Amino acid sequence: VRFLFREGDSLDSSKDKVDFIEGFIGSYPNWFVV
């Protein structure tokens, strides 16, 4: 977590998780799903 640029160098997608929350979180959606 010690980065200012090149955040992608520290990512490990095998450990990613997802939270699911009823209603709206955030205001900058990356993706609409219907």
Full PDB file with SEQRES, HELIX, SHEET, SSBOND, CRYST1, ORIGX, SCALE, CONECT and MASTER records, all heavy atoms in Angstrom:
SEQRES   1 A   34  VAL ARG PHE LEU PHE ARG GLU GLY ASP SER LEU ASP SER          
SEQRES   2 A   34  SER LYS ASP LYS VAL ASP PHE ILE GLU GLY PHE ILE GLY          
SEQRES   3 A   34  SER TYR PRO ASN TRP PHE VAL VAL                              
HELIX    1 AA1 GLU A    7  SER A   10  5                                   4    
HELIX    2 AA2 SER A   13  LYS A   15  5                                   3    
CRYST1    1.000    1.000    1.000  90.00  90.00  90.00 P 1           1          
ORIGX1      1.000000  0.000000  0.000000        0.00000                         
ORIGX2      0.000000  1.000000  0.000000        0.00000                         
ORIGX3      0.000000  0.000000  1.000000        0.00000                         
SCALE1      1.000000  0.000000  0.000000        0.00000                         
SCALE2      0.000000  1.000000  0.000000        0.00000                         
SCALE3      0.000000  0.000000  1.000000        0.00000                         
ATOM      1  N   VAL A   1       0.817  -1.211   0.000  1.00  0.00           N  
ATOM      2  CA  VAL A   1       0.000   0.000   0.000  1.00  0.00           C  
ATOM      3  C   VAL A   1       0.854   1.266   0.000  1.00  0.00           C  
ATOM      4  O   VAL A   1       0.351   2.360   0.232  1.00  0.00           O  
ATOM      5  CB  VAL A   1      -0.960   0.022   1.217  1.00  0.00           C  
ATOM      6  CG1 VAL A   1      -1.964  -1.098   1.120  1.00  0.00           C  
ATOM      7  CG2 VAL A   1      -0.186  -0.057   2.536  1.00  0.00           C  
ATOM      8  N   ARG A   2       2.130   1.095  -0.295  1.00  0.00           N  
ATOM      9  CA  ARG A   2       3.011   2.266  -0.346  1.00  0.00           C  
ATOM     10  C   ARG A   2       3.244   2.631  -1.816  1.00  0.00           C  
ATOM     11  O   ARG A   2       4.237   2.253  -2.421  1.00  0.00           O  
ATOM     12  CB  ARG A   2       4.349   1.971   0.347  1.00  0.00           C  
ATOM     13  CG  ARG A   2       5.234   3.192   0.505  1.00  0.00           C  
ATOM     14  CD  ARG A   2       6.586   2.793   1.089  1.00  0.00           C  
ATOM     15  NE  ARG A   2       7.409   3.958   1.388  1.00  0.00           N  
ATOM     16  CZ  ARG A   2       8.673   3.898   1.789  1.00  0.00           C  
ATOM     17  NH1 ARG A   2       9.262   2.724   1.939  1.00  0.00           N  
ATOM     18  NH2 ARG A   2       9.359   4.984   2.049  1.00  0.00           N  
ATOM     19  N   PHE A   3       2.296   3.354  -2.376  1.00  0.00           N  
ATOM     20  CA  PHE A   3       2.442   3.754  -3.771  1.00  0.00           C  
ATOM     21  C   PHE A   3       1.745   5.083  -3.992  1.00  0.00           C  
ATOM     22  O   PHE A   3       0.796   5.439  -3.310  1.00  0.00           O  
ATOM     23  CB  PHE A   3       1.851   2.689  -4.711  1.00  0.00           C  
ATOM     24  CG  PHE A   3       0.399   2.404  -4.469  1.00  0.00           C  
ATOM     25  CD1 PHE A   3      -0.601   3.222  -4.977  1.00  0.00           C  
ATOM     26  CD2 PHE A   3       0.013   1.301  -3.697  1.00  0.00           C  
ATOM     27  CE1 PHE A   3      -1.941   2.959  -4.738  1.00  0.00           C  
ATOM     28  CE2 PHE A   3      -1.331   1.038  -3.454  1.00  0.00           C  
ATOM     29  CZ  PHE A   3      -2.305   1.873  -3.971  1.00  0.00           C  
ATOM     30  N   LEU A   4       2.231   5.831  -4.952  1.00  0.00           N  
ATOM     31  CA  LEU A   4       1.567   7.045  -5.401  1.00  0.00           C  
ATOM     32  C   LEU A   4       1.157   6.868  -6.861  1.00  0.00           C  
ATOM     33  O   LEU A   4       0.101   7.322  -7.272  1.00  0.00           O  
ATOM     34  CB  LEU A   4       2.489   8.253  -5.241  1.00  0.00           C  
ATOM     35  CG  LEU A   4       1.890   9.622  -5.602  1.00  0.00           C  
ATOM     36  CD1 LEU A   4       0.672   9.901  -4.725  1.00  0.00           C  
ATOM     37  CD2 LEU A   4       2.936  10.720  -5.413  1.00  0.00           C  
ATOM     38  N   PHE A   5       2.018   6.193  -7.622  1.00  0.00           N  
ATOM     39  CA  PHE A   5       1.727   5.873  -9.010  1.00  0.00           C  
ATOM     40  C   PHE A   5       1.909   4.368  -9.199  1.00  0.00           C  
ATOM     41  O   PHE A   5       2.368   3.661  -8.317  1.00  0.00           O  
ATOM     42  CB  PHE A   5       2.661   6.641  -9.951  1.00  0.00           C  
ATOM     43  CG  PHE A   5       2.622   8.134  -9.748  1.00  0.00           C  
ATOM     44  CD1 PHE A   5       3.651   8.789  -9.096  1.00  0.00           C  
ATOM     45  CD2 PHE A   5       1.540   8.880 -10.209  1.00  0.00           C  
ATOM     46  CE1 PHE A   5       3.616  10.161  -8.902  1.00  0.00           C  
ATOM     47  CE2 PHE A   5       1.495  10.252 -10.018  1.00  0.00           C  
ATOM     48  CZ  PHE A   5       2.533  10.898  -9.356  1.00  0.00           C  
ATOM     49  N   ARG A   6       1.510   3.859 -10.359  1.00  0.00           N  
ATOM     50  CA  ARG A   6       1.680   2.449 -10.717  1.00  0.00           C  
ATOM     51  C   ARG A   6       1.042   1.528  -9.679  1.00  0.00           C  
ATOM     52  O   ARG A   6       1.640   0.564  -9.218  1.00  0.00           O  
ATOM     53  CB  ARG A   6       3.166   2.114 -10.899  1.00  0.00           C  
ATOM     54  CG  ARG A   6       3.820   2.916 -12.005  1.00  0.00           C  
ATOM     55  CD  ARG A   6       5.248   2.521 -12.211  1.00  0.00           C  
ATOM     56  NE  ARG A   6       5.358   1.119 -12.595  1.00  0.00           N  
ATOM     57  CZ  ARG A   6       6.495   0.551 -12.972  1.00  0.00           C  
ATOM     58  NH1 ARG A   6       7.613   1.257 -13.012  1.00  0.00           N  
ATOM     59  NH2 ARG A   6       6.518  -0.736 -13.296  1.00  0.00           N  
ATOM     60  N   GLU A   7      -0.177   1.845  -9.324  1.00  0.00           N  
ATOM     61  CA  GLU A   7      -0.904   1.028  -8.354  1.00  0.00           C  
ATOM     62  C   GLU A   7      -1.011  -0.419  -8.819  1.00  0.00           C  
ATOM     63  O   GLU A   7      -0.972  -1.346  -8.011  1.00  0.00           O  
ATOM     64  CB  GLU A   7      -2.304   1.603  -8.144  1.00  0.00           C  
ATOM     65  CG  GLU A   7      -3.190   0.771  -7.230  1.00  0.00           C  
ATOM     66  CD  GLU A   7      -4.616   1.301  -7.147  1.00  0.00           C  
ATOM     67  OE1 GLU A   7      -4.911   2.307  -7.827  1.00  0.00           O  
ATOM     68  OE2 GLU A   7      -5.413   0.715  -6.408  1.00  0.00           O  
ATOM     69  N   GLY A   8      -1.154  -0.617 -10.150  1.00  0.00           N  
ATOM     70  CA  GLY A   8      -1.344  -1.964 -10.671  1.00  0.00           C  
ATOM     71  C   GLY A   8      -0.223  -2.924 -10.353  1.00  0.00           C  
ATOM     72  O   GLY A   8      -0.431  -4.143 -10.352  1.00  0.00           O  
ATOM     73  N   ASP A   9       0.969  -2.403 -10.069  1.00  0.00           N  
ATOM     74  CA  ASP A   9       2.105  -3.280  -9.759  1.00  0.00           C  
ATOM     75  C   ASP A   9       1.902  -4.025  -8.447  1.00  0.00           C  
ATOM     76  O   ASP A   9       2.584  -5.014  -8.187  1.00  0.00           O  
ATOM     77  CB  ASP A   9       3.399  -2.467  -9.685  1.00  0.00           C  
ATOM     78  CG  ASP A   9       3.811  -1.918 -11.043  1.00  0.00           C  
ATOM     79  OD1 ASP A   9       3.248  -2.361 -12.059  1.00  0.00           O  
ATOM     80  OD2 ASP A   9       4.699  -1.038 -11.080  1.00  0.00           O  
ATOM     81  N   SER A  10       1.003  -3.542  -7.604  1.00  0.00           N  
ATOM     82  CA  SER A  10       0.826  -4.157  -6.287  1.00  0.00           C  
ATOM     83  C   SER A  10      -0.420  -5.034  -6.199  1.00  0.00           C  
ATOM     84  O   SER A  10      -0.699  -5.605  -5.156  1.00  0.00           O  
ATOM     85  CB  SER A  10       0.753  -3.077  -5.203  1.00  0.00           C  
ATOM     86  OG  SER A  10      -0.438  -2.330  -5.340  1.00  0.00           O  
ATOM     87  N   LEU A  11      -1.189  -5.143  -7.290  1.00  0.00           N  
ATOM     88  CA  LEU A  11      -2.453  -5.870  -7.246  1.00  0.00           C  
ATOM     89  C   LEU A  11      -2.240  -7.378  -7.310  1.00  0.00           C  
ATOM     90  O   LEU A  11      -1.315  -7.862  -7.967  1.00  0.00           O  
ATOM     91  CB  LEU A  11      -3.352  -5.429  -8.407  1.00  0.00           C  
ATOM     92  CG  LEU A  11      -3.799  -3.964  -8.399  1.00  0.00           C  
ATOM     93  CD1 LEU A  11      -4.568  -3.642  -9.677  1.00  0.00           C  
ATOM     94  CD2 LEU A  11      -4.662  -3.680  -7.182  1.00  0.00           C  
ATOM     95  N   ASP A  12      -3.105  -8.116  -6.651  1.00  0.00           N  
ATOM     96  CA  ASP A  12      -3.122  -9.577  -6.733  1.00  0.00           C  
ATOM     97  C   ASP A  12      -4.574  -9.997  -6.887  1.00  0.00           C  
ATOM     98  O   ASP A  12      -5.305 -10.136  -5.906  1.00  0.00           O  
ATOM     99  CB  ASP A  12      -2.511 -10.199  -5.478  1.00  0.00           C  
ATOM    100  CG  ASP A  12      -2.451 -11.731  -5.549  1.00  0.00           C  
ATOM    101  OD1 ASP A  12      -3.017 -12.307  -6.506  1.00  0.00           O  
ATOM    102  OD2 ASP A  12      -1.847 -12.341  -4.646  1.00  0.00           O  
ATOM    103  N   SER A  13      -5.019 -10.179  -8.140  1.00  0.00           N  
ATOM    104  CA  SER A  13      -6.434 -10.421  -8.403  1.00  0.00           C  
ATOM    105  C   SER A  13      -6.918 -11.757  -7.856  1.00  0.00           C  
ATOM    106  O   SER A  13      -8.130 -11.945  -7.676  1.00  0.00           O  
ATOM    107  CB  SER A  13      -6.710 -10.360  -9.912  1.00  0.00           C  
ATOM    108  OG  SER A  13      -5.919 -11.311 -10.611  1.00  0.00           O  
ATOM    109  N   SER A  14      -6.007 -12.685  -7.571  1.00  0.00           N  
ATOM    110  CA  SER A  14      -6.440 -13.975  -7.027  1.00  0.00           C  
ATOM    111  C   SER A  14      -7.029 -13.825  -5.630  1.00  0.00           C  
ATOM    112  O   SER A  14      -7.718 -14.722  -5.143  1.00  0.00           O  
ATOM    113  CB  SER A  14      -5.268 -14.957  -6.993  1.00  0.00           C  
ATOM    114  OG  SER A  14      -4.300 -14.570  -6.030  1.00  0.00           O  
ATOM    115  N   LYS A  15      -6.783 -12.688  -4.982  1.00  0.00           N  
ATOM    116  CA  LYS A  15      -7.289 -12.455  -3.628  1.00  0.00           C  
ATOM    117  C   LYS A  15      -8.398 -11.399  -3.595  1.00  0.00           C  
ATOM    118  O   LYS A  15      -8.853 -11.020  -2.513  1.00  0.00           O  
ATOM    119  CB  LYS A  15      -6.135 -12.035  -2.701  1.00  0.00           C  
ATOM    120  CG  LYS A  15      -5.058 -13.104  -2.557  1.00  0.00           C  
ATOM    121  CD  LYS A  15      -3.931 -12.623  -1.655  1.00  0.00           C  
ATOM    122  CE  LYS A  15      -2.838 -13.678  -1.537  1.00  0.00           C  
ATOM    123  NZ  LYS A  15      -1.707 -13.204  -0.688  1.00  0.00           N  
ATOM    124  N   ASP A  16      -8.823 -10.929  -4.761  1.00  0.00           N  
ATOM    125  CA  ASP A  16      -9.906  -9.951  -4.795  1.00  0.00           C  
ATOM    126  C   ASP A  16     -11.183 -10.535  -4.211  1.00  0.00           C  
ATOM    127  O   ASP A  16     -11.465 -11.729  -4.341  1.00  0.00           O  
ATOM    128  CB  ASP A  16     -10.186  -9.507  -6.238  1.00  0.00           C  
ATOM    129  CG  ASP A  16      -9.101  -8.603  -6.795  1.00  0.00           C  
ATOM    130  OD1 ASP A  16      -8.254  -8.152  -6.012  1.00  0.00           O  
ATOM    131  OD2 ASP A  16      -9.119  -8.364  -8.012  1.00  0.00           O  
ATOM    132  N   LYS A  17     -11.973  -9.681  -3.599  1.00  0.00           N  
ATOM    133  CA  LYS A  17     -13.296 -10.066  -3.114  1.00  0.00           C  
ATOM    134  C   LYS A  17     -14.308  -9.049  -3.625  1.00  0.00           C  
ATOM    135  O   LYS A  17     -13.937  -7.998  -4.132  1.00  0.00           O  
ATOM    136  CB  LYS A  17     -13.323 -10.110  -1.582  1.00  0.00           C  
ATOM    137  CG  LYS A  17     -12.428 -11.176  -0.970  1.00  0.00           C  
ATOM    138  CD  LYS A  17     -12.563 -11.194   0.539  1.00  0.00           C  
ATOM    139  CE  LYS A  17     -13.961 -11.565   0.987  1.00  0.00           C  
ATOM    140  NZ  LYS A  17     -14.084 -11.656   2.460  1.00  0.00           N  
ATOM    141  N   VAL A  18     -15.555  -9.391  -3.483  1.00  0.00           N  
ATOM    142  CA  VAL A  18     -16.626  -8.506  -3.942  1.00  0.00           C  
ATOM    143  C   VAL A  18     -17.660  -8.379  -2.836  1.00  0.00           C  
ATOM    144  O   VAL A  18     -18.051  -9.369  -2.217  1.00  0.00           O  
ATOM    145  CB  VAL A  18     -17.302  -9.068  -5.211  1.00  0.00           C  
ATOM    146  CG1 VAL A  18     -18.250  -8.017  -5.800  1.00  0.00           C  
ATOM    147  CG2 VAL A  18     -16.275  -9.498  -6.244  1.00  0.00           C  
ATOM    148  N   ASP A  19     -18.091  -7.146  -2.580  1.00  0.00           N  
ATOM    149  CA  ASP A  19     -19.194  -6.902  -1.653  1.00  0.00           C  
ATOM    150  C   ASP A  19     -20.438  -6.564  -2.461  1.00  0.00           C  
ATOM    151  O   ASP A  19     -20.363  -5.838  -3.463  1.00  0.00           O  
ATOM    152  CB  ASP A  19     -18.872  -5.735  -0.712  1.00  0.00           C  
ATOM    153  CG  ASP A  19     -17.910  -6.141   0.388  1.00  0.00           C  
ATOM    154  OD1 ASP A  19     -17.837  -7.338   0.694  1.00  0.00           O  
ATOM    155  OD2 ASP A  19     -17.238  -5.251   0.936  1.00  0.00           O  
ATOM    156  N   PHE A  20     -21.571  -7.068  -2.014  1.00  0.00           N  
ATOM    157  CA  PHE A  20     -22.847  -6.803  -2.663  1.00  0.00           C  
ATOM    158  C   PHE A  20     -23.749  -6.103  -1.659  1.00  0.00           C  
ATOM    159  O   PHE A  20     -23.992  -6.619  -0.571  1.00  0.00           O  
ATOM    160  CB  PHE A  20     -23.483  -8.108  -3.146  1.00  0.00           C  
ATOM    161  CG  PHE A  20     -22.647  -8.824  -4.173  1.00  0.00           C  
ATOM    162  CD1 PHE A  20     -21.779  -9.830  -3.800  1.00  0.00           C  
ATOM    163  CD2 PHE A  20     -22.722  -8.472  -5.508  1.00  0.00           C  
ATOM    164  CE1 PHE A  20     -21.001 -10.483  -4.738  1.00  0.00           C  
ATOM    165  CE2 PHE A  20     -21.949  -9.125  -6.456  1.00  0.00           C  
ATOM    166  CZ  PHE A  20     -21.087 -10.128  -6.070  1.00  0.00           C  
ATOM    167  N   ILE A  21     -24.220  -4.927  -2.023  1.00  0.00           N  
ATOM    168  CA  ILE A  21     -24.968  -4.092  -1.101  1.00  0.00           C  
ATOM    169  C   ILE A  21     -26.263  -3.652  -1.773  1.00  0.00           C  
ATOM    170  O   ILE A  21     -26.232  -3.141  -2.902  1.00  0.00           O  
ATOM    171  CB  ILE A  21     -24.138  -2.862  -0.692  1.00  0.00           C  
ATOM    172  CG1 ILE A  21     -22.849  -3.320  -0.001  1.00  0.00           C  
ATOM    173  CG2 ILE A  21     -24.919  -1.939   0.212  1.00  0.00           C  
ATOM    174  CD1 ILE A  21     -21.651  -2.509  -0.300  1.00  0.00           C  
ATOM    175  N   GLU A  22     -27.370  -3.853  -1.086  1.00  0.00           N  
ATOM    176  CA  GLU A  22     -28.645  -3.422  -1.631  1.00  0.00           C  
ATOM    177  C   GLU A  22     -28.671  -1.902  -1.736  1.00  0.00           C  
ATOM    178  O   GLU A  22     -28.293  -1.201  -0.806  1.00  0.00           O  
ATOM    179  CB  GLU A  22     -29.794  -3.904  -0.748  1.00  0.00           C  
ATOM    180  CG  GLU A  22     -31.168  -3.558  -1.292  1.00  0.00           C  
ATOM    181  CD  GLU A  22     -32.294  -4.008  -0.385  1.00  0.00           C  
ATOM    182  OE1 GLU A  22     -32.002  -4.594   0.676  1.00  0.00           O  
ATOM    183  OE2 GLU A  22     -33.460  -3.767  -0.743  1.00  0.00           O  
ATOM    184  N   GLY A  23     -29.084  -1.396  -2.884  1.00  0.00           N  
ATOM    185  CA  GLY A  23     -29.119   0.040  -3.098  1.00  0.00           C  
ATOM    186  C   GLY A  23     -27.845   0.542  -3.754  1.00  0.00           C  
ATOM    187  O   GLY A  23     -27.064  -0.227  -4.316  1.00  0.00           O  
ATOM    188  N   PHE A  24     -27.626   1.847  -3.660  1.00  0.00           N  
ATOM    189  CA  PHE A  24     -26.528   2.500  -4.368  1.00  0.00           C  
ATOM    190  C   PHE A  24     -25.346   2.763  -3.451  1.00  0.00           C  
ATOM    191  O   PHE A  24     -25.493   3.314  -2.368  1.00  0.00           O  
ATOM    192  CB  PHE A  24     -26.993   3.828  -4.957  1.00  0.00           C  
ATOM    193  CG  PHE A  24     -27.958   3.696  -6.101  1.00  0.00           C  
ATOM    194  CD1 PHE A  24     -29.324   3.697  -5.879  1.00  0.00           C  
ATOM    195  CD2 PHE A  24     -27.493   3.571  -7.404  1.00  0.00           C  
ATOM    196  CE1 PHE A  24     -30.216   3.579  -6.926  1.00  0.00           C  
ATOM    197  CE2 PHE A  24     -28.378   3.456  -8.470  1.00  0.00           C  
ATOM    198  CZ  PHE A  24     -29.742   3.457  -8.234  1.00  0.00           C  
ATOM    199  N   ILE A  25     -24.176   2.375  -3.923  1.00  0.00           N  
ATOM    200  CA  ILE A  25     -22.919   2.761  -3.301  1.00  0.00           C  
ATOM    201  C   ILE A  25     -22.129   3.516  -4.363  1.00  0.00           C  
ATOM    202  O   ILE A  25     -22.009   3.058  -5.502  1.00  0.00           O  
ATOM    203  CB  ILE A  25     -22.114   1.536  -2.832  1.00  0.00           C  
ATOM    204  CG1 ILE A  25     -22.840   0.824  -1.702  1.00  0.00           C  
ATOM    205  CG2 ILE A  25     -20.706   1.947  -2.395  1.00  0.00           C  
ATOM    206  CD1 ILE A  25     -22.949   1.604  -0.417  1.00  0.00           C  
ATOM    207  N   GLY A  26     -21.580   4.673  -4.013  1.00  0.00           N  
ATOM    208  CA  GLY A  26     -20.790   5.437  -4.960  1.00  0.00           C  
ATOM    209  C   GLY A  26     -21.646   6.263  -5.907  1.00  0.00           C  
ATOM    210  O   GLY A  26     -22.883   6.237  -5.865  1.00  0.00           O  
ATOM    211  N   SER A  27     -20.983   7.015  -6.763  1.00  0.00           N  
ATOM    212  CA  SER A  27     -21.672   7.838  -7.758  1.00  0.00           C  
ATOM    213  C   SER A  27     -20.949   7.827  -9.097  1.00  0.00           C  
ATOM    214  O   SER A  27     -21.305   8.570 -10.000  1.00  0.00           O  
ATOM    215  CB  SER A  27     -21.795   9.284  -7.256  1.00  0.00           C  
ATOM    216  OG  SER A  27     -20.525   9.807  -6.907  1.00  0.00           O  
ATOM    217  N   TYR A  28     -19.904   6.967  -9.216  1.00  0.00           N  
ATOM    218  CA  TYR A  28     -19.139   6.827 -10.455  1.00  0.00           C  
ATOM    219  C   TYR A  28     -19.196   5.372 -10.921  1.00  0.00           C  
ATOM    220  O   TYR A  28     -18.209   4.647 -10.835  1.00  0.00           O  
ATOM    221  CB  TYR A  28     -17.677   7.198 -10.244  1.00  0.00           C  
ATOM    222  CG  TYR A  28     -17.395   8.634  -9.889  1.00  0.00           C  
ATOM    223  CD1 TYR A  28     -17.487   9.080  -8.579  1.00  0.00           C  
ATOM    224  CD2 TYR A  28     -17.009   9.541 -10.879  1.00  0.00           C  
ATOM    225  CE1 TYR A  28     -17.205  10.397  -8.245  1.00  0.00           C  
ATOM    226  CE2 TYR A  28     -16.718  10.858 -10.554  1.00  0.00           C  
ATOM    227  CZ  TYR A  28     -16.818  11.277  -9.244  1.00  0.00           C  
ATOM    228  OH  TYR A  28     -16.531  12.578  -8.914  1.00  0.00           O  
ATOM    229  N   PRO A  29     -20.331   4.907 -11.401  1.00  0.00           N  
ATOM    230  CA  PRO A  29     -20.403   3.497 -11.802  1.00  0.00           C  
ATOM    231  C   PRO A  29     -19.508   3.200 -12.996  1.00  0.00           C  
ATOM    232  O   PRO A  29     -19.377   4.019 -13.910  1.00  0.00           O  
ATOM    233  CB  PRO A  29     -21.879   3.315 -12.158  1.00  0.00           C  
ATOM    234  CG  PRO A  29     -22.325   4.683 -12.584  1.00  0.00           C  
ATOM    235  CD  PRO A  29     -21.580   5.636 -11.680  1.00  0.00           C  
ATOM    236  N   ASN A  30     -18.879   2.030 -12.978  1.00  0.00           N  
ATOM    237  CA  ASN A  30     -18.096   1.568 -14.116  1.00  0.00           C  
ATOM    238  C   ASN A  30     -18.918   0.730 -15.077  1.00  0.00           C  
ATOM    239  O   ASN A  30     -18.493   0.473 -16.206  1.00  0.00           O  
ATOM    240  CB  ASN A  30     -16.912   0.707 -13.644  1.00  0.00           C  
ATOM    241  CG  ASN A  30     -16.026   1.411 -12.638  1.00  0.00           C  
ATOM    242  OD1 ASN A  30     -15.720   0.858 -11.597  1.00  0.00           O  
ATOM    243  ND2 ASN A  30     -15.611   2.634 -12.925  1.00  0.00           N  
ATOM    244  N   TRP A  31     -20.090   0.294 -14.606  1.00  0.00           N  
ATOM    245  CA  TRP A  31     -20.802  -0.739 -15.366  1.00  0.00           C  
ATOM    246  C   TRP A  31     -22.260  -0.761 -14.949  1.00  0.00           C  
ATOM    247  O   TRP A  31     -22.567  -0.784 -13.761  1.00  0.00           O  
ATOM    248  CB  TRP A  31     -20.146  -2.086 -15.039  1.00  0.00           C  
ATOM    249  CG  TRP A  31     -20.501  -3.256 -15.868  1.00  0.00           C  
ATOM    250  CD1 TRP A  31     -20.903  -3.273 -17.187  1.00  0.00           C  
ATOM    251  CD2 TRP A  31     -20.484  -4.623 -15.455  1.00  0.00           C  
ATOM    252  NE1 TRP A  31     -21.123  -4.564 -17.609  1.00  0.00           N  
ATOM    253  CE2 TRP A  31     -20.879  -5.412 -16.557  1.00  0.00           C  
ATOM    254  CE3 TRP A  31     -20.180  -5.262 -14.261  1.00  0.00           C  
ATOM    255  CZ2 TRP A  31     -20.971  -6.794 -16.490  1.00  0.00           C  
ATOM    256  CZ3 TRP A  31     -20.263  -6.639 -14.203  1.00  0.00           C  
ATOM    257  CH2 TRP A  31     -20.653  -7.390 -15.315  1.00  0.00           C  
ATOM    258  N   PHE A  32     -23.177  -0.701 -15.914  1.00  0.00           N  
ATOM    259  CA  PHE A  32     -24.596  -0.935 -15.666  1.00  0.00           C  
ATOM    260  C   PHE A  32     -24.925  -2.369 -16.074  1.00  0.00           C  
ATOM    261  O   PHE A  32     -24.499  -2.833 -17.135  1.00  0.00           O  
ATOM    262  CB  PHE A  32     -25.483   0.003 -16.493  1.00  0.00           C  
ATOM    263  CG  PHE A  32     -25.423   1.443 -16.095  1.00  0.00           C  
ATOM    264  CD1 PHE A  32     -25.531   2.441 -17.055  1.00  0.00           C  
ATOM    265  CD2 PHE A  32     -25.297   1.822 -14.765  1.00  0.00           C  
ATOM    266  CE1 PHE A  32     -25.494   3.779 -16.707  1.00  0.00           C  
ATOM    267  CE2 PHE A  32     -25.255   3.161 -14.403  1.00  0.00           C  
ATOM    268  CZ  PHE A  32     -25.351   4.145 -15.379  1.00  0.00           C  
ATOM    269  N   VAL A  33     -25.701  -3.040 -15.243  1.00  0.00           N  
ATOM    270  CA  VAL A  33     -26.123  -4.407 -15.515  1.00  0.00           C  
ATOM    271  C   VAL A  33     -27.634  -4.473 -15.327  1.00  0.00           C  
ATOM    272  O   VAL A  33     -28.159  -3.936 -14.345  1.00  0.00           O  
ATOM    273  CB  VAL A  33     -25.439  -5.411 -14.562  1.00  0.00           C  
ATOM    274  CG1 VAL A  33     -25.908  -6.836 -14.848  1.00  0.00           C  
ATOM    275  CG2 VAL A  33     -23.926  -5.316 -14.698  1.00  0.00           C  
ATOM    276  N   VAL A  34     -28.314  -5.118 -16.251  1.00  0.00           N  
ATOM    277  CA  VAL A  34     -29.761  -5.281 -16.165  1.00  0.00           C  
ATOM    278  C   VAL A  34     -30.081  -6.764 -16.307  1.00  0.00           C  
ATOM    279  O   VAL A  34     -29.753  -7.384 -17.327  1.00  0.00           O  
ATOM    280  CB  VAL A  34     -30.492  -4.471 -17.253  1.00  0.00           C  
ATOM    281  CG1 VAL A  34     -31.999  -4.656 -17.124  1.00  0.00           C  
ATOM    282  CG2 VAL A  34     -30.128  -2.999 -17.167  1.00  0.00           C  
TER     283      VAL A  34                                                      
MASTER        0    0    0    2    0    0    0    6  282    1    0    3          
END                                                                             
